[in-house]
Amino acid sequence: MDLSQFVDLDSYSSSPGFLGYTDNIPDFSEAGINAVCDDFIEKMTSYIGDVTVASSLFISSNKEELSQDYNIPLTEIDKFLHALLKNGLVKTIDFDTLPPPESPQFDREFRKLENTFTFLHLPDVEILKEILLSFYHAVGLKGHLFLVFKTAELIVYPHSDDFGFGFVSMNKACWSEKIEWLQTHFYDFQSSNVKSCLN
């Protein structure tokens, strides 16, 4: 699956089929993050059986560095990344092996990492929730995470700015029905300023 035909990987909101986003701001507690994930899954429940998770996420393999960055004990690192690691959706990278950051080679290697996707087909509800929770706990991961709902013709991405989701249409036909559906189901959905149809 070539996601770049639907999603602008440099700026999701610049994607030709970008529909809008939710910005469901919880209280940043475990209960708040759980509520955001439960609400999303409940509203997408009829499409869960046809979802593919696409990930190019990666993180430093230096656990001491991660412990400092996330201000957590070394013993907790695998725990908060568990669902992503278990399902092969995050790569651990030794950043010291990459070319110097100021070099063109570094940009090429970094872009290659960002654009190399792993796909997990048809996860069940519990697996999907675990993946979302793991993503939200590990704010600052590099790369991309998308949920491809083929039947709904939607690509959804979780974002950690305000703990919400963005929506991109995979269908080049009129999308007013999709926007209307999202506005009906997600009270905090913010529609993008788009034309009624794609050209």
C-alpha atoms as a PDB file:
ATOM      1  CA  MET A   1       0.000   0.000   0.000  1.00  0.00           C
ATOM      2  CA  ASP A   2       1.448   3.342  -1.071  1.00  0.00           C
ATOM      3  CA  LEU A   3       0.233   5.780   1.582  1.00  0.00           C
ATOM      4  CA  SER A   4       1.894   8.716  -0.151  1.00  0.00           C
ATOM      5  CA  GLN A   5      -0.831   8.671  -2.822  1.00  0.00           C
ATOM      6  CA  PHE A   6      -3.291   9.737  -0.101  1.00  0.00           C
ATOM      7  CA  VAL A   7      -1.227  11.418   2.621  1.00  0.00           C
ATOM      8  CA  ASP A   8       1.287  14.234   2.418  1.00  0.00           C
ATOM      9  CA  LEU A   9       3.845  12.777   4.812  1.00  0.00           C
ATOM     10  CA  ASP A  10       5.454  16.183   5.350  1.00  0.00           C
ATOM     11  CA  SER A  11       2.180  17.859   6.349  1.00  0.00           C
ATOM     12  CA  TYR A  12      -0.899  15.704   6.916  1.00  0.00           C
ATOM     13  CA  SER A  13      -3.252  18.676   6.710  1.00  0.00           C
ATOM     14  CA  SER A  14      -1.913  19.401   3.207  1.00  0.00           C
ATOM     15  CA  SER A  15      -3.085  15.986   1.983  1.00  0.00           C
ATOM     16  CA  PRO A  16      -5.505  16.292  -0.967  1.00  0.00           C
ATOM     17  CA  GLY A  17      -8.199  14.408   0.952  1.00  0.00           C
ATOM     18  CA  PHE A  18      -7.685  15.995   4.377  1.00  0.00           C
ATOM     19  CA  LEU A  19     -11.089  16.243   6.058  1.00  0.00           C
ATOM     20  CA  GLY A  20     -10.295  17.611   9.509  1.00  0.00           C
ATOM     21  CA  TYR A  21      -9.396  16.515  13.026  1.00  0.00           C
ATOM     22  CA  THR A  22     -10.539  16.104  16.600  1.00  0.00           C
ATOM     23  CA  ASP A  23      -8.791  17.819  19.487  1.00  0.00           C
ATOM     24  CA  ASN A  24     -10.166  15.954  22.443  1.00  0.00           C
ATOM     25  CA  ILE A  25      -8.064  17.351  25.303  1.00  0.00           C
ATOM     26  CA  PRO A  26      -8.204  15.025  28.340  1.00  0.00           C
ATOM     27  CA  ASP A  27      -6.875  15.747  31.784  1.00  0.00           C
ATOM     28  CA  PHE A  28      -3.600  14.096  30.710  1.00  0.00           C
ATOM     29  CA  SER A  29      -4.149  11.328  33.249  1.00  0.00           C
ATOM     30  CA  GLU A  30      -4.275   7.623  32.487  1.00  0.00           C
ATOM     31  CA  ALA A  31      -8.069   7.811  32.734  1.00  0.00           C
ATOM     32  CA  GLY A  32      -8.159  10.748  30.296  1.00  0.00           C
ATOM     33  CA  ILE A  33      -6.061   8.997  27.656  1.00  0.00           C
ATOM     34  CA  ASN A  34      -8.126   5.822  28.086  1.00  0.00           C
ATOM     35  CA  ALA A  35     -11.323   7.813  27.582  1.00  0.00           C
ATOM     36  CA  VAL A  36     -10.043   9.319  24.302  1.00  0.00           C
ATOM     37  CA  CYS A  37      -9.120   5.862  22.955  1.00  0.00           C
ATOM     38  CA  ASP A  38     -12.378   4.244  24.119  1.00  0.00           C
ATOM     39  CA  ASP A  39     -14.444   7.032  22.553  1.00  0.00           C
ATOM     40  CA  PHE A  40     -12.650   6.706  19.215  1.00  0.00           C
ATOM     41  CA  ILE A  41     -12.939   2.908  19.112  1.00  0.00           C
ATOM     42  CA  GLU A  42     -16.631   3.028  20.017  1.00  0.00           C
ATOM     43  CA  LYS A  43     -17.355   5.426  17.169  1.00  0.00           C
ATOM     44  CA  MET A  44     -15.323   3.432  14.642  1.00  0.00           C
ATOM     45  CA  THR A  45     -16.449   0.038  15.910  1.00  0.00           C
ATOM     46  CA  SER A  46     -18.278  -1.006  12.739  1.00  0.00           C
ATOM     47  CA  TYR A  47     -15.029  -0.572  10.757  1.00  0.00           C
ATOM     48  CA  ILE A  48     -12.536  -2.087  13.236  1.00  0.00           C
ATOM     49  CA  GLY A  49     -12.577  -5.517  11.566  1.00  0.00           C
ATOM     50  CA  ASP A  50     -11.289  -3.975   8.345  1.00  0.00           C
ATOM     51  CA  VAL A  51      -8.488  -1.808   9.707  1.00  0.00           C
ATOM     52  CA  THR A  52      -4.796  -1.973   8.848  1.00  0.00           C
ATOM     53  CA  VAL A  53      -2.251  -0.256  11.074  1.00  0.00           C
ATOM     54  CA  ALA A  54       0.607   1.316   9.102  1.00  0.00           C
ATOM     55  CA  SER A  55       3.662   2.381  11.071  1.00  0.00           C
ATOM     56  CA  SER A  56       7.094   3.807  10.364  1.00  0.00           C
ATOM     57  CA  LEU A  57       7.669   4.742  14.021  1.00  0.00           C
ATOM     58  CA  PHE A  58      11.177   4.578  15.395  1.00  0.00           C
ATOM     59  CA  ILE A  59      12.922   5.500  18.622  1.00  0.00           C
ATOM     60  CA  SER A  60      16.425   5.507  20.066  1.00  0.00           C
ATOM     61  CA  SER A  61      17.742   2.141  21.206  1.00  0.00           C
ATOM     62  CA  ASN A  62      19.653   3.904  24.017  1.00  0.00           C
ATOM     63  CA  LYS A  63      17.498   3.102  27.047  1.00  0.00           C
ATOM     64  CA  GLU A  64      19.447   5.399  29.376  1.00  0.00           C
ATOM     65  CA  GLU A  65      18.709   8.276  27.001  1.00  0.00           C
ATOM     66  CA  LEU A  66      15.019   7.334  26.818  1.00  0.00           C
ATOM     67  CA  SER A  67      14.853   7.093  30.597  1.00  0.00           C
ATOM     68  CA  GLN A  68      16.054  10.699  30.827  1.00  0.00           C
ATOM     69  CA  ASP A  69      13.892  11.978  27.950  1.00  0.00           C
ATOM     70  CA  TYR A  70      10.679  10.477  29.350  1.00  0.00           C
ATOM     71  CA  ASN A  71      11.666  10.868  33.012  1.00  0.00           C
ATOM     72  CA  ILE A  72      10.853   7.236  33.763  1.00  0.00           C
ATOM     73  CA  PRO A  73      12.884   4.369  35.301  1.00  0.00           C
ATOM     74  CA  LEU A  74      14.766   2.098  32.912  1.00  0.00           C
ATOM     75  CA  THR A  75      12.509  -0.773  33.950  1.00  0.00           C
ATOM     76  CA  GLU A  76       9.431   1.100  32.652  1.00  0.00           C
ATOM     77  CA  ILE A  77      10.647   1.770  29.089  1.00  0.00           C
ATOM     78  CA  ASP A  78       9.621  -1.567  27.576  1.00  0.00           C
ATOM     79  CA  LYS A  79       6.320  -1.349  29.433  1.00  0.00           C
ATOM     80  CA  PHE A  80       5.161   1.914  27.854  1.00  0.00           C
ATOM     81  CA  LEU A  81       6.350   0.801  24.400  1.00  0.00           C
ATOM     82  CA  HIS A  82       5.089  -2.770  24.879  1.00  0.00           C
ATOM     83  CA  ALA A  83       2.163  -2.831  22.414  1.00  0.00           C
ATOM     84  CA  LEU A  84       4.172  -1.134  19.662  1.00  0.00           C
ATOM     85  CA  LEU A  85       7.184  -3.405  20.195  1.00  0.00           C
ATOM     86  CA  LYS A  86       5.090  -6.576  20.535  1.00  0.00           C
ATOM     87  CA  ASN A  87       3.297  -5.901  17.249  1.00  0.00           C
ATOM     88  CA  GLY A  88       6.439  -4.836  15.372  1.00  0.00           C
ATOM     89  CA  LEU A  89       5.224  -1.259  14.944  1.00  0.00           C
ATOM     90  CA  VAL A  90       8.236   0.622  16.299  1.00  0.00           C
ATOM     91  CA  LYS A  91      11.883   0.177  15.330  1.00  0.00           C
ATOM     92  CA  THR A  92      14.695   0.845  17.787  1.00  0.00           C
ATOM     93  CA  ILE A  93      17.572   2.696  16.144  1.00  0.00           C
ATOM     94  CA  ASP A  94      21.121   3.349  17.287  1.00  0.00           C
ATOM     95  CA  PHE A  95      21.295   6.998  16.270  1.00  0.00           C
ATOM     96  CA  ASP A  96      25.067   6.976  16.755  1.00  0.00           C
ATOM     97  CA  THR A  97      25.365   4.782  13.647  1.00  0.00           C
ATOM     98  CA  LEU A  98      23.672   7.393  11.448  1.00  0.00           C
ATOM     99  CA  PRO A  99      25.715   9.961   9.484  1.00  0.00           C
ATOM    100  CA  PRO A 100      26.340  13.348  11.167  1.00  0.00           C
ATOM    101  CA  PRO A 101      23.050  15.317  11.544  1.00  0.00           C
ATOM    102  CA  GLU A 102      24.329  18.231   9.455  1.00  0.00           C
ATOM    103  CA  SER A 103      25.121  16.014   6.449  1.00  0.00           C
ATOM    104  CA  PRO A 104      22.884  15.318   3.406  1.00  0.00           C
ATOM    105  CA  GLN A 105      23.362  11.605   4.071  1.00  0.00           C
ATOM    106  CA  PHE A 106      21.637  12.015   7.445  1.00  0.00           C
ATOM    107  CA  ASP A 107      18.589  13.592   5.776  1.00  0.00           C
ATOM    108  CA  ARG A 108      18.403  10.699   3.308  1.00  0.00           C
ATOM    109  CA  GLU A 109      18.709   8.047   6.019  1.00  0.00           C
ATOM    110  CA  PHE A 110      16.188   9.810   8.249  1.00  0.00           C
ATOM    111  CA  ARG A 111      13.702  10.154   5.371  1.00  0.00           C
ATOM    112  CA  LYS A 112      14.151   6.478   4.520  1.00  0.00           C
ATOM    113  CA  LEU A 113      13.325   5.500   8.111  1.00  0.00           C
ATOM    114  CA  GLU A 114      10.245   7.761   8.113  1.00  0.00           C
ATOM    115  CA  ASN A 115       8.928   6.374   4.839  1.00  0.00           C
ATOM    116  CA  THR A 116       9.491   2.634   5.419  1.00  0.00           C
ATOM    117  CA  PHE A 117       6.212   1.215   6.720  1.00  0.00           C
ATOM    118  CA  THR A 118       5.253  -1.963   8.547  1.00  0.00           C
ATOM    119  CA  PHE A 119       1.628  -3.117   8.199  1.00  0.00           C
ATOM    120  CA  LEU A 120      -0.477  -4.949  10.767  1.00  0.00           C
ATOM    121  CA  HIS A 121      -3.728  -6.242   9.284  1.00  0.00           C
ATOM    122  CA  LEU A 122      -7.013  -6.632  11.162  1.00  0.00           C
ATOM    123  CA  PRO A 123      -6.053  -6.123  14.805  1.00  0.00           C
ATOM    124  CA  ASP A 124      -8.904  -6.705  17.212  1.00  0.00           C
ATOM    125  CA  VAL A 125     -10.313  -3.980  19.448  1.00  0.00           C
ATOM    126  CA  GLU A 126      -8.059  -4.735  22.423  1.00  0.00           C
ATOM    127  CA  ILE A 127      -4.905  -4.797  20.298  1.00  0.00           C
ATOM    128  CA  LEU A 128      -5.889  -1.535  18.621  1.00  0.00           C
ATOM    129  CA  LYS A 129      -6.491   0.143  21.973  1.00  0.00           C
ATOM    130  CA  GLU A 130      -3.145  -1.098  23.311  1.00  0.00           C
ATOM    131  CA  ILE A 131      -1.405   0.333  20.239  1.00  0.00           C
ATOM    132  CA  LEU A 132      -3.107   3.723  20.646  1.00  0.00           C
ATOM    133  CA  LEU A 133      -2.314   3.877  24.372  1.00  0.00           C
ATOM    134  CA  SER A 134       1.305   2.995  23.693  1.00  0.00           C
ATOM    135  CA  PHE A 135       1.515   5.710  21.026  1.00  0.00           C
ATOM    136  CA  TYR A 136       0.049   8.368  23.307  1.00  0.00           C
ATOM    137  CA  HIS A 137       2.354   7.420  26.180  1.00  0.00           C
ATOM    138  CA  ALA A 138       5.420   7.631  23.944  1.00  0.00           C
ATOM    139  CA  VAL A 139       4.981  11.240  22.811  1.00  0.00           C
ATOM    140  CA  GLY A 140       7.941  12.239  20.640  1.00  0.00           C
ATOM    141  CA  LEU A 141       8.292   9.080  18.584  1.00  0.00           C
ATOM    142  CA  LYS A 142       9.748   9.679  15.127  1.00  0.00           C
ATOM    143  CA  GLY A 143       7.961   8.494  11.986  1.00  0.00           C
ATOM    144  CA  HIS A 144       4.262   7.977  11.267  1.00  0.00           C
ATOM    145  CA  LEU A 145       1.308   5.934  12.519  1.00  0.00           C
ATOM    146  CA  PHE A 146      -1.870   5.562  10.442  1.00  0.00           C
ATOM    147  CA  LEU A 147      -5.055   3.512  10.767  1.00  0.00           C
ATOM    148  CA  VAL A 148      -6.354   2.587   7.319  1.00  0.00           C
ATOM    149  CA  PHE A 149     -10.094   1.861   7.358  1.00  0.00           C
ATOM    150  CA  LYS A 150     -10.586   0.409   3.880  1.00  0.00           C
ATOM    151  CA  THR A 151     -14.370   0.018   3.992  1.00  0.00           C
ATOM    152  CA  ALA A 152     -14.834   3.559   5.284  1.00  0.00           C
ATOM    153  CA  GLU A 153     -12.212   4.817   2.789  1.00  0.00           C
ATOM    154  CA  LEU A 154     -10.562   6.758   5.610  1.00  0.00           C
ATOM    155  CA  ILE A 155      -6.997   7.084   6.810  1.00  0.00           C
ATOM    156  CA  VAL A 156      -6.890   8.168  10.443  1.00  0.00           C
ATOM    157  CA  TYR A 157      -3.862   9.332  12.381  1.00  0.00           C
ATOM    158  CA  PRO A 158      -3.621   9.798  16.141  1.00  0.00           C
ATOM    159  CA  HIS A 159      -1.958  13.063  17.120  1.00  0.00           C
ATOM    160  CA  SER A 160      -0.562  13.922  20.525  1.00  0.00           C
ATOM    161  CA  ASP A 161      -0.789  17.715  20.285  1.00  0.00           C
ATOM    162  CA  ASP A 162      -4.220  17.636  21.944  1.00  0.00           C
ATOM    163  CA  PHE A 163      -4.791  13.862  22.080  1.00  0.00           C
ATOM    164  CA  GLY A 164      -7.071  13.521  19.092  1.00  0.00           C
ATOM    165  CA  PHE A 165      -7.311  12.117  15.577  1.00  0.00           C
ATOM    166  CA  GLY A 166      -6.960  13.454  12.036  1.00  0.00           C
ATOM    167  CA  PHE A 167      -8.943  12.143   9.059  1.00  0.00           C
ATOM    168  CA  VAL A 168      -7.939  11.832   5.402  1.00  0.00           C
ATOM    169  CA  SER A 169     -10.301  10.577   2.683  1.00  0.00           C
ATOM    170  CA  MET A 170      -9.084   7.859   0.312  1.00  0.00           C
ATOM    171  CA  ASN A 171     -11.929   8.534  -2.119  1.00  0.00           C
ATOM    172  CA  LYS A 172     -11.607  11.209  -4.810  1.00  0.00           C
ATOM    173  CA  ALA A 173     -15.380  11.502  -5.105  1.00  0.00           C
ATOM    174  CA  CYS A 174     -17.483  14.082  -3.234  1.00  0.00           C
ATOM    175  CA  TRP A 175     -16.726  13.853   0.466  1.00  0.00           C
ATOM    176  CA  SER A 176     -19.447  15.959   2.059  1.00  0.00           C
ATOM    177  CA  GLU A 177     -21.058  12.760   3.424  1.00  0.00           C
ATOM    178  CA  LYS A 178     -17.804  11.792   5.161  1.00  0.00           C
ATOM    179  CA  ILE A 179     -17.512  15.204   6.779  1.00  0.00           C
ATOM    180  CA  GLU A 180     -21.153  15.071   7.856  1.00  0.00           C
ATOM    181  CA  TRP A 181     -20.627  11.585   9.345  1.00  0.00           C
ATOM    182  CA  LEU A 182     -17.548  12.765  11.267  1.00  0.00           C
ATOM    183  CA  GLN A 183     -19.337  15.866  12.543  1.00  0.00           C
ATOM    184  CA  THR A 184     -22.244  13.698  13.722  1.00  0.00           C
ATOM    185  CA  HIS A 185     -20.099  11.113  15.490  1.00  0.00           C
ATOM    186  CA  PHE A 186     -17.267  13.257  16.878  1.00  0.00           C
ATOM    187  CA  TYR A 187     -18.607  16.308  18.717  1.00  0.00           C
ATOM    188  CA  ASP A 188     -15.176  17.973  18.675  1.00  0.00           C
ATOM    189  CA  PHE A 189     -14.498  17.347  14.961  1.00  0.00           C
ATOM    190  CA  GLN A 190     -13.067  20.408  13.224  1.00  0.00           C
ATOM    191  CA  SER A 191     -13.664  20.346   9.478  1.00  0.00           C
ATOM    192  CA  SER A 192     -10.919  21.622   7.218  1.00  0.00           C
ATOM    193  CA  ASN A 193     -11.639  24.459   4.832  1.00  0.00           C
ATOM    194  CA  VAL A 194     -12.127  22.230   1.775  1.00  0.00           C
ATOM    195  CA  LYS A 195     -14.114  22.187  -1.413  1.00  0.00           C
ATOM    196  CA  SER A 196     -17.095  19.881  -1.506  1.00  0.00           C
ATOM    197  CA  CYS A 197     -15.362  17.569  -3.988  1.00  0.00           C
ATOM    198  CA  LEU A 198     -11.854  16.646  -4.974  1.00  0.00           C
ATOM    199  CA  ASN A 199     -10.837  17.573  -8.508  1.00  0.00           C
END
